[in-house]
């Protein structure tokens, strides 16, 4: 079959807007990370594993209870490691909201991130997430999460 490429003189593409769910937008994830670092992390720092766990937990209210009871059950849930979270972290570092420490492997809130955290806390946004993170507080440390993870997946 011969295609009529010789007869085609011009091809035009037109961009069409595609709606993106708010949960998939980087600023949404950055805001969630800011809240986790500010409300539920010691010294406002957290490992990628902790951020992935909390990202998984914040996806729906059914998972809130599983995270709250993680200390009681000592059973690390099977979670999906979300590439969108990694992109949001990269963008957040580029924006100066987070910093990454190569030695500890942890992300931290910067001064700019702290200002954004206060703004988020003062607004009527992320109400369920803020309530949940204030409930769980700093009870799940990076060390505890890492040890549970190793127990669950080392064998």
N, C-alpha and C. Protein backbone atom coordinates (compact mmCIF):
# COMPACT_ATOMS: atom_id res chain seq x y z
N UNK A 1 0.85 -1.18 0.00
CA UNK A 1 0.00 0.00 0.00
C UNK A 1 0.88 1.23 0.00
N UNK A 2 0.68 2.08 -0.95
CA UNK A 2 1.42 3.33 -1.05
C UNK A 2 0.67 4.44 -0.33
N UNK A 3 1.41 5.17 0.49
CA UNK A 3 0.82 6.30 1.21
C UNK A 3 1.08 7.57 0.42
N UNK A 4 0.15 8.49 0.44
CA UNK A 4 0.28 9.71 -0.38
C UNK A 4 1.10 10.81 0.30
N UNK A 5 2.32 10.48 0.76
CA UNK A 5 3.14 11.48 1.44
C UNK A 5 3.54 12.63 0.51
N UNK A 6 3.66 12.38 -0.75
CA UNK A 6 4.04 13.44 -1.69
C UNK A 6 2.94 14.48 -1.82
N UNK A 7 1.72 14.08 -1.59
CA UNK A 7 0.59 14.99 -1.76
C UNK A 7 0.34 15.85 -0.52
N UNK A 8 0.88 15.45 0.63
CA UNK A 8 0.67 16.21 1.87
C UNK A 8 1.64 17.38 1.90
N UNK A 9 1.07 18.57 1.98
CA UNK A 9 1.90 19.78 1.97
C UNK A 9 2.08 20.34 3.38
N UNK A 10 1.12 20.10 4.23
CA UNK A 10 1.17 20.72 5.55
C UNK A 10 0.39 19.87 6.57
N UNK A 11 0.93 19.79 7.77
CA UNK A 11 0.23 19.13 8.86
C UNK A 11 0.12 20.13 9.99
N UNK A 12 -1.06 20.27 10.53
CA UNK A 12 -1.29 21.21 11.64
C UNK A 12 -1.75 20.46 12.87
N UNK A 13 -1.21 20.88 13.99
CA UNK A 13 -1.62 20.33 15.27
C UNK A 13 -2.21 21.46 16.09
N UNK A 14 -3.27 21.18 16.77
CA UNK A 14 -3.82 22.19 17.67
C UNK A 14 -3.85 21.61 19.08
N UNK A 15 -3.33 22.41 20.00
CA UNK A 15 -3.28 21.98 21.40
C UNK A 15 -4.66 22.06 22.01
N UNK A 16 -5.02 21.03 22.69
CA UNK A 16 -6.30 21.02 23.40
C UNK A 16 -6.00 20.87 24.89
N UNK A 17 -6.74 21.57 25.67
CA UNK A 17 -6.55 21.47 27.12
C UNK A 17 -7.08 20.13 27.62
N UNK A 18 -6.32 19.54 28.49
CA UNK A 18 -6.71 18.27 29.09
C UNK A 18 -6.85 18.49 30.59
N UNK A 19 -8.03 18.22 31.13
CA UNK A 19 -8.17 18.43 32.58
C UNK A 19 -7.33 17.44 33.37
N UNK A 20 -6.68 17.95 34.39
CA UNK A 20 -5.84 17.11 35.26
C UNK A 20 -6.46 17.15 36.66
N UNK A 21 -6.61 15.99 37.22
CA UNK A 21 -7.14 15.89 38.58
C UNK A 21 -6.25 16.70 39.53
N UNK A 22 -6.84 17.39 40.49
CA UNK A 22 -6.02 18.18 41.42
C UNK A 22 -4.95 17.36 42.14
N UNK A 23 -5.25 16.09 42.43
CA UNK A 23 -4.29 15.24 43.13
C UNK A 23 -3.06 14.95 42.30
N UNK A 24 -3.14 15.15 41.00
CA UNK A 24 -2.01 14.87 40.12
C UNK A 24 -1.16 16.13 39.87
N UNK A 25 -1.64 17.25 40.32
CA UNK A 25 -0.91 18.49 40.09
C UNK A 25 0.24 18.62 41.08
N UNK A 26 1.40 19.05 40.60
CA UNK A 26 2.57 19.14 41.50
C UNK A 26 2.36 20.02 42.72
N UNK A 27 1.67 21.15 42.59
CA UNK A 27 1.51 22.05 43.73
C UNK A 27 0.66 21.40 44.82
N UNK A 28 -0.27 20.55 44.43
CA UNK A 28 -1.09 19.81 45.39
C UNK A 28 -0.18 18.89 46.22
N UNK A 29 0.67 18.15 45.55
CA UNK A 29 1.58 17.23 46.24
C UNK A 29 2.60 18.00 47.08
N UNK A 30 3.10 19.09 46.55
CA UNK A 30 4.05 19.90 47.31
C UNK A 30 3.41 20.40 48.60
N UNK A 31 2.16 20.82 48.51
CA UNK A 31 1.44 21.29 49.69
C UNK A 31 1.27 20.18 50.71
N UNK A 32 0.95 18.96 50.25
CA UNK A 32 0.83 17.83 51.16
C UNK A 32 2.17 17.52 51.83
N UNK A 33 3.23 17.55 51.06
CA UNK A 33 4.56 17.28 51.62
C UNK A 33 4.91 18.32 52.68
N UNK A 34 4.61 19.57 52.39
CA UNK A 34 4.85 20.65 53.35
C UNK A 34 4.13 20.36 54.66
N UNK A 35 2.86 19.94 54.56
CA UNK A 35 2.10 19.64 55.77
C UNK A 35 2.69 18.46 56.54
N UNK A 36 3.09 17.41 55.82
CA UNK A 36 3.70 16.25 56.49
C UNK A 36 4.98 16.67 57.20
N UNK A 37 5.83 17.41 56.52
CA UNK A 37 7.08 17.84 57.13
C UNK A 37 6.84 18.76 58.32
N UNK A 38 5.88 19.65 58.21
CA UNK A 38 5.62 20.62 59.26
C UNK A 38 4.92 20.01 60.47
N UNK A 39 3.90 19.18 60.22
CA UNK A 39 3.07 18.69 61.32
C UNK A 39 3.47 17.32 61.87
N UNK A 40 4.08 16.48 61.04
CA UNK A 40 4.29 15.10 61.46
C UNK A 40 5.72 14.60 61.33
N UNK A 41 6.67 15.50 61.28
CA UNK A 41 8.06 15.08 61.13
C UNK A 41 8.95 15.79 62.16
N UNK A 42 9.80 15.01 62.78
CA UNK A 42 10.76 15.55 63.74
C UNK A 42 11.73 16.47 63.02
N UNK A 43 11.94 17.64 63.56
CA UNK A 43 12.83 18.66 63.00
C UNK A 43 12.47 19.00 61.55
N UNK A 44 11.22 18.77 61.19
CA UNK A 44 10.70 19.07 59.84
C UNK A 44 11.53 18.41 58.75
N UNK A 45 11.99 17.19 59.04
CA UNK A 45 12.72 16.41 58.04
C UNK A 45 12.09 15.03 57.94
N UNK A 46 12.19 14.43 56.75
CA UNK A 46 11.64 13.09 56.56
C UNK A 46 12.36 12.40 55.41
N UNK A 47 12.41 11.08 55.50
CA UNK A 47 12.99 10.28 54.43
C UNK A 47 11.97 10.11 53.31
N UNK A 48 12.46 9.68 52.18
CA UNK A 48 11.57 9.42 51.04
C UNK A 48 10.58 8.33 51.40
N UNK A 49 11.01 7.32 52.15
CA UNK A 49 10.10 6.24 52.55
C UNK A 49 8.94 6.77 53.38
N UNK A 50 9.24 7.64 54.34
CA UNK A 50 8.18 8.21 55.17
C UNK A 50 7.24 9.06 54.33
N UNK A 51 7.79 9.86 53.44
CA UNK A 51 6.94 10.70 52.59
C UNK A 51 6.08 9.85 51.67
N UNK A 52 6.62 8.75 51.15
CA UNK A 52 5.82 7.85 50.31
C UNK A 52 4.71 7.19 51.14
N UNK A 53 5.02 6.78 52.37
CA UNK A 53 4.02 6.17 53.23
C UNK A 53 2.90 7.15 53.54
N UNK A 54 3.24 8.36 53.90
CA UNK A 54 2.22 9.36 54.21
C UNK A 54 1.45 9.75 52.95
N UNK A 55 2.12 9.83 51.83
CA UNK A 55 1.43 10.11 50.57
C UNK A 55 0.39 9.03 50.30
N UNK A 56 0.76 7.77 50.50
CA UNK A 56 -0.17 6.66 50.34
C UNK A 56 -1.33 6.81 51.33
N UNK A 57 -1.01 7.13 52.57
CA UNK A 57 -2.03 7.25 53.61
C UNK A 57 -2.99 8.39 53.39
N UNK A 58 -2.54 9.44 52.76
CA UNK A 58 -3.39 10.61 52.55
C UNK A 58 -4.29 10.48 51.32
N UNK A 59 -4.22 9.37 50.61
CA UNK A 59 -5.03 9.21 49.40
C UNK A 59 -6.51 9.07 49.69
N UNK A 60 -6.86 8.44 50.82
CA UNK A 60 -8.28 8.35 51.20
C UNK A 60 -8.40 8.13 52.70
N UNK A 61 -9.57 8.41 53.21
CA UNK A 61 -9.78 8.36 54.66
C UNK A 61 -9.66 6.95 55.24
N UNK A 62 -9.92 5.93 54.43
CA UNK A 62 -9.78 4.56 54.90
C UNK A 62 -8.36 4.23 55.30
N UNK A 63 -7.41 4.89 54.68
CA UNK A 63 -6.01 4.64 54.98
C UNK A 63 -5.53 5.43 56.20
N UNK A 64 -6.28 6.47 56.57
CA UNK A 64 -5.90 7.26 57.73
C UNK A 64 -5.78 6.35 58.96
N UNK A 65 -6.81 5.53 59.17
CA UNK A 65 -6.83 4.65 60.33
C UNK A 65 -5.67 3.67 60.31
N UNK A 66 -5.34 3.17 59.13
CA UNK A 66 -4.23 2.21 59.04
C UNK A 66 -2.92 2.86 59.46
N UNK A 67 -2.74 4.13 59.10
CA UNK A 67 -1.52 4.82 59.52
C UNK A 67 -1.54 5.13 61.01
N UNK A 68 -2.69 5.53 61.52
CA UNK A 68 -2.79 5.84 62.95
C UNK A 68 -2.51 4.59 63.78
N UNK A 69 -2.97 3.43 63.31
CA UNK A 69 -2.79 2.18 64.05
C UNK A 69 -1.50 1.45 63.70
N UNK A 70 -0.64 2.08 62.92
CA UNK A 70 0.61 1.44 62.51
C UNK A 70 1.48 1.08 63.71
N UNK A 71 1.48 1.91 64.73
CA UNK A 71 2.26 1.64 65.95
C UNK A 71 1.73 0.40 66.67
N UNK A 72 0.40 0.24 66.68
CA UNK A 72 -0.21 -0.89 67.38
C UNK A 72 0.00 -2.20 66.62
N UNK A 73 -0.19 -2.15 65.32
CA UNK A 73 -0.15 -3.38 64.53
C UNK A 73 1.26 -3.79 64.16
N UNK A 74 2.17 -2.83 64.05
CA UNK A 74 3.56 -3.09 63.64
C UNK A 74 3.62 -3.86 62.33
N UNK A 75 2.70 -3.55 61.43
CA UNK A 75 2.65 -4.22 60.13
C UNK A 75 2.68 -3.17 59.03
N UNK A 76 3.78 -3.12 58.31
CA UNK A 76 3.93 -2.13 57.25
C UNK A 76 3.01 -2.48 56.09
N UNK A 77 2.13 -1.57 55.70
CA UNK A 77 1.18 -1.88 54.62
C UNK A 77 1.88 -1.95 53.26
N UNK A 78 1.25 -2.64 52.35
CA UNK A 78 1.75 -2.68 50.97
C UNK A 78 1.32 -1.37 50.33
N UNK A 79 2.29 -0.57 49.92
CA UNK A 79 1.98 0.74 49.35
C UNK A 79 2.53 0.84 47.94
N UNK A 80 1.98 1.77 47.22
CA UNK A 80 2.45 2.08 45.87
C UNK A 80 3.40 3.27 45.98
N UNK A 81 4.62 3.11 45.48
CA UNK A 81 5.56 4.22 45.47
C UNK A 81 5.23 5.10 44.29
N UNK A 82 4.78 6.28 44.59
CA UNK A 82 4.18 7.18 43.60
C UNK A 82 5.24 8.04 42.91
N UNK A 83 5.39 7.91 41.59
CA UNK A 83 6.36 8.74 40.88
C UNK A 83 5.98 10.22 40.89
N UNK A 84 4.69 10.52 41.05
CA UNK A 84 4.27 11.93 41.11
C UNK A 84 4.81 12.60 42.37
N UNK A 85 4.94 11.84 43.45
CA UNK A 85 5.52 12.39 44.67
C UNK A 85 6.99 12.73 44.43
N UNK A 86 7.70 11.84 43.76
CA UNK A 86 9.11 12.10 43.46
C UNK A 86 9.27 13.35 42.60
N UNK A 87 8.38 13.52 41.64
CA UNK A 87 8.43 14.73 40.80
C UNK A 87 8.14 15.98 41.61
N UNK A 88 7.17 15.88 42.52
CA UNK A 88 6.83 17.02 43.37
C UNK A 88 8.01 17.38 44.28
N UNK A 89 8.70 16.37 44.79
CA UNK A 89 9.88 16.63 45.63
C UNK A 89 10.97 17.32 44.83
N UNK A 90 11.20 16.84 43.61
CA UNK A 90 12.22 17.45 42.75
C UNK A 90 11.87 18.90 42.46
N UNK A 91 10.61 19.14 42.12
CA UNK A 91 10.16 20.50 41.84
C UNK A 91 10.24 21.37 43.09
N UNK A 92 9.87 20.81 44.24
CA UNK A 92 9.94 21.54 45.50
C UNK A 92 11.36 21.94 45.87
N UNK A 93 12.31 21.06 45.60
CA UNK A 93 13.72 21.39 45.84
C UNK A 93 14.15 22.51 44.89
N UNK A 94 13.74 22.40 43.61
CA UNK A 94 14.09 23.42 42.63
C UNK A 94 13.46 24.78 42.99
N UNK A 95 12.28 24.75 43.59
CA UNK A 95 11.60 25.99 43.99
C UNK A 95 12.17 26.57 45.28
N UNK A 96 12.96 25.77 46.00
CA UNK A 96 13.52 26.24 47.26
C UNK A 96 12.61 26.02 48.45
N UNK A 97 11.59 25.17 48.30
CA UNK A 97 10.65 24.89 49.39
C UNK A 97 11.21 23.79 50.29
N UNK A 98 11.91 22.84 49.69
CA UNK A 98 12.55 21.75 50.41
C UNK A 98 14.05 21.79 50.12
N UNK A 99 14.79 21.14 50.98
CA UNK A 99 16.20 20.88 50.69
C UNK A 99 16.41 19.39 50.89
N UNK A 100 17.40 18.86 50.23
CA UNK A 100 17.73 17.44 50.37
C UNK A 100 19.14 17.33 50.90
N UNK A 101 19.31 16.53 51.95
CA UNK A 101 20.61 16.31 52.56
C UNK A 101 21.16 14.99 52.04
N UNK A 102 22.25 15.04 51.29
CA UNK A 102 22.85 13.83 50.72
C UNK A 102 23.35 12.87 51.80
N UNK A 103 23.81 13.40 52.92
CA UNK A 103 24.38 12.55 53.97
C UNK A 103 23.30 11.75 54.71
N UNK A 104 22.19 12.40 55.02
CA UNK A 104 21.12 11.72 55.77
C UNK A 104 20.08 11.11 54.84
N UNK A 105 20.00 11.58 53.61
CA UNK A 105 18.99 11.09 52.68
C UNK A 105 17.59 11.57 53.02
N UNK A 106 17.52 12.74 53.65
CA UNK A 106 16.22 13.26 54.08
C UNK A 106 15.93 14.61 53.45
N UNK A 107 14.63 14.86 53.32
CA UNK A 107 14.14 16.14 52.83
C UNK A 107 13.76 17.00 54.03
N UNK A 108 14.00 18.30 53.93
CA UNK A 108 13.70 19.23 55.01
C UNK A 108 12.97 20.43 54.46
N UNK A 109 12.17 21.04 55.32
CA UNK A 109 11.52 22.29 54.96
C UNK A 109 12.54 23.42 55.04
N UNK A 110 12.52 24.29 54.07
CA UNK A 110 13.37 25.47 54.11
C UNK A 110 12.58 26.61 54.74
N UNK A 111 13.20 27.75 54.85
CA UNK A 111 12.50 28.92 55.39
C UNK A 111 11.30 29.27 54.51
N UNK A 112 11.49 29.19 53.21
CA UNK A 112 10.39 29.44 52.26
C UNK A 112 9.27 28.41 52.45
N UNK A 113 9.65 27.15 52.69
CA UNK A 113 8.67 26.10 52.95
C UNK A 113 7.90 26.33 54.23
N UNK A 114 8.58 26.84 55.24
CA UNK A 114 7.92 27.15 56.52
C UNK A 114 6.88 28.26 56.34
N UNK A 115 7.21 29.25 55.55
CA UNK A 115 6.26 30.34 55.27
C UNK A 115 5.03 29.77 54.55
N UNK A 116 5.25 28.89 53.58
CA UNK A 116 4.14 28.26 52.87
C UNK A 116 3.32 27.39 53.82
N UNK A 117 3.98 26.70 54.74
CA UNK A 117 3.27 25.86 55.72
C UNK A 117 2.32 26.71 56.55
N UNK A 118 2.79 27.85 57.01
CA UNK A 118 1.93 28.74 57.79
C UNK A 118 0.75 29.23 56.96
N UNK A 119 0.99 29.53 55.69
CA UNK A 119 -0.09 29.98 54.80
C UNK A 119 -1.13 28.88 54.63
N UNK A 120 -0.67 27.64 54.43
CA UNK A 120 -1.59 26.52 54.25
C UNK A 120 -2.40 26.28 55.52
N UNK A 121 -1.74 26.38 56.67
CA UNK A 121 -2.44 26.17 57.94
C UNK A 121 -3.49 27.24 58.20
N UNK A 122 -3.26 28.43 57.71
CA UNK A 122 -4.20 29.54 57.93
C UNK A 122 -5.37 29.55 56.97
N UNK A 123 -5.31 28.77 55.90
CA UNK A 123 -6.37 28.73 54.90
C UNK A 123 -7.32 27.56 55.14
N UNK A 124 -8.51 27.63 54.56
CA UNK A 124 -9.47 26.54 54.64
C UNK A 124 -9.25 25.53 53.52
N UNK A 125 -8.06 24.96 53.49
CA UNK A 125 -7.71 23.95 52.49
C UNK A 125 -7.10 22.76 53.21
N UNK A 126 -7.15 21.59 52.61
CA UNK A 126 -6.58 20.37 53.19
C UNK A 126 -7.10 20.14 54.61
N UNK A 127 -8.38 20.37 54.83
CA UNK A 127 -8.93 20.27 56.19
C UNK A 127 -8.79 18.87 56.77
N UNK A 128 -9.16 17.85 55.99
CA UNK A 128 -9.06 16.47 56.48
C UNK A 128 -7.60 16.07 56.71
N UNK A 129 -6.74 16.47 55.78
CA UNK A 129 -5.33 16.14 55.91
C UNK A 129 -4.71 16.78 57.15
N UNK A 130 -5.05 18.06 57.38
CA UNK A 130 -4.51 18.75 58.55
C UNK A 130 -5.00 18.10 59.84
N UNK A 131 -6.28 17.75 59.87
CA UNK A 131 -6.84 17.10 61.06
C UNK A 131 -6.13 15.77 61.30
N UNK A 132 -5.95 14.98 60.27
CA UNK A 132 -5.27 13.69 60.37
C UNK A 132 -3.83 13.86 60.84
N UNK A 133 -3.08 14.76 60.21
CA UNK A 133 -1.67 14.95 60.55
C UNK A 133 -1.50 15.50 61.97
N UNK A 134 -2.45 16.30 62.42
CA UNK A 134 -2.40 16.79 63.80
C UNK A 134 -2.69 15.67 64.78
N UNK A 135 -3.52 14.71 64.36
CA UNK A 135 -3.83 13.55 65.20
C UNK A 135 -2.62 12.63 65.32
N UNK A 136 -2.00 12.34 64.20
CA UNK A 136 -0.88 11.39 64.19
C UNK A 136 0.40 12.04 64.75
N UNK A 137 0.48 13.35 64.62
CA UNK A 137 1.61 14.14 65.11
C UNK A 137 2.95 13.55 64.67
N UNK A 138 3.89 13.45 65.57
CA UNK A 138 5.23 12.97 65.23
C UNK A 138 5.46 11.56 65.76
N UNK A 139 4.38 10.78 65.85
CA UNK A 139 4.47 9.45 66.46
C UNK A 139 5.17 8.42 65.58
N UNK A 140 5.24 8.65 64.28
CA UNK A 140 5.90 7.70 63.37
C UNK A 140 7.22 8.30 62.90
N UNK A 141 8.28 7.89 63.53
CA UNK A 141 9.60 8.41 63.15
C UNK A 141 10.13 7.69 61.93
N UNK A 142 11.11 8.28 61.29
CA UNK A 142 11.75 7.67 60.13
C UNK A 142 12.37 6.33 60.50
N UNK A 143 13.00 6.27 61.65
CA UNK A 143 13.65 5.04 62.10
C UNK A 143 12.63 3.92 62.29
N UNK A 144 11.52 4.25 62.95
CA UNK A 144 10.47 3.26 63.18
C UNK A 144 9.91 2.75 61.85
N UNK A 145 9.62 3.65 60.93
CA UNK A 145 9.08 3.27 59.63
C UNK A 145 10.08 2.41 58.86
N UNK A 146 11.34 2.79 58.88
CA UNK A 146 12.36 2.01 58.18
C UNK A 146 12.48 0.60 58.76
N UNK A 147 12.46 0.48 60.09
CA UNK A 147 12.54 -0.84 60.72
C UNK A 147 11.34 -1.71 60.37
N UNK A 148 10.13 -1.12 60.38
CA UNK A 148 8.95 -1.89 59.97
C UNK A 148 9.07 -2.34 58.52
N UNK A 149 9.53 -1.45 57.69
CA UNK A 149 9.69 -1.76 56.26
C UNK A 149 10.68 -2.91 56.07
N UNK A 150 11.79 -2.85 56.78
CA UNK A 150 12.80 -3.91 56.68
C UNK A 150 12.25 -5.26 57.17
N UNK A 151 11.51 -5.22 58.28
CA UNK A 151 10.89 -6.46 58.80
C UNK A 151 9.96 -7.07 57.76
N UNK A 152 9.16 -6.22 57.14
CA UNK A 152 8.13 -6.69 56.21
C UNK A 152 8.72 -7.22 54.92
N UNK A 153 9.76 -6.56 54.42
CA UNK A 153 10.24 -6.89 53.08
C UNK A 153 11.62 -7.52 53.03
N UNK A 154 12.24 -7.80 54.18
CA UNK A 154 13.58 -8.39 54.14
C UNK A 154 13.55 -9.90 53.93
N UNK A 155 12.43 -10.52 54.22
CA UNK A 155 12.39 -11.98 54.06
C UNK A 155 11.77 -12.43 52.77
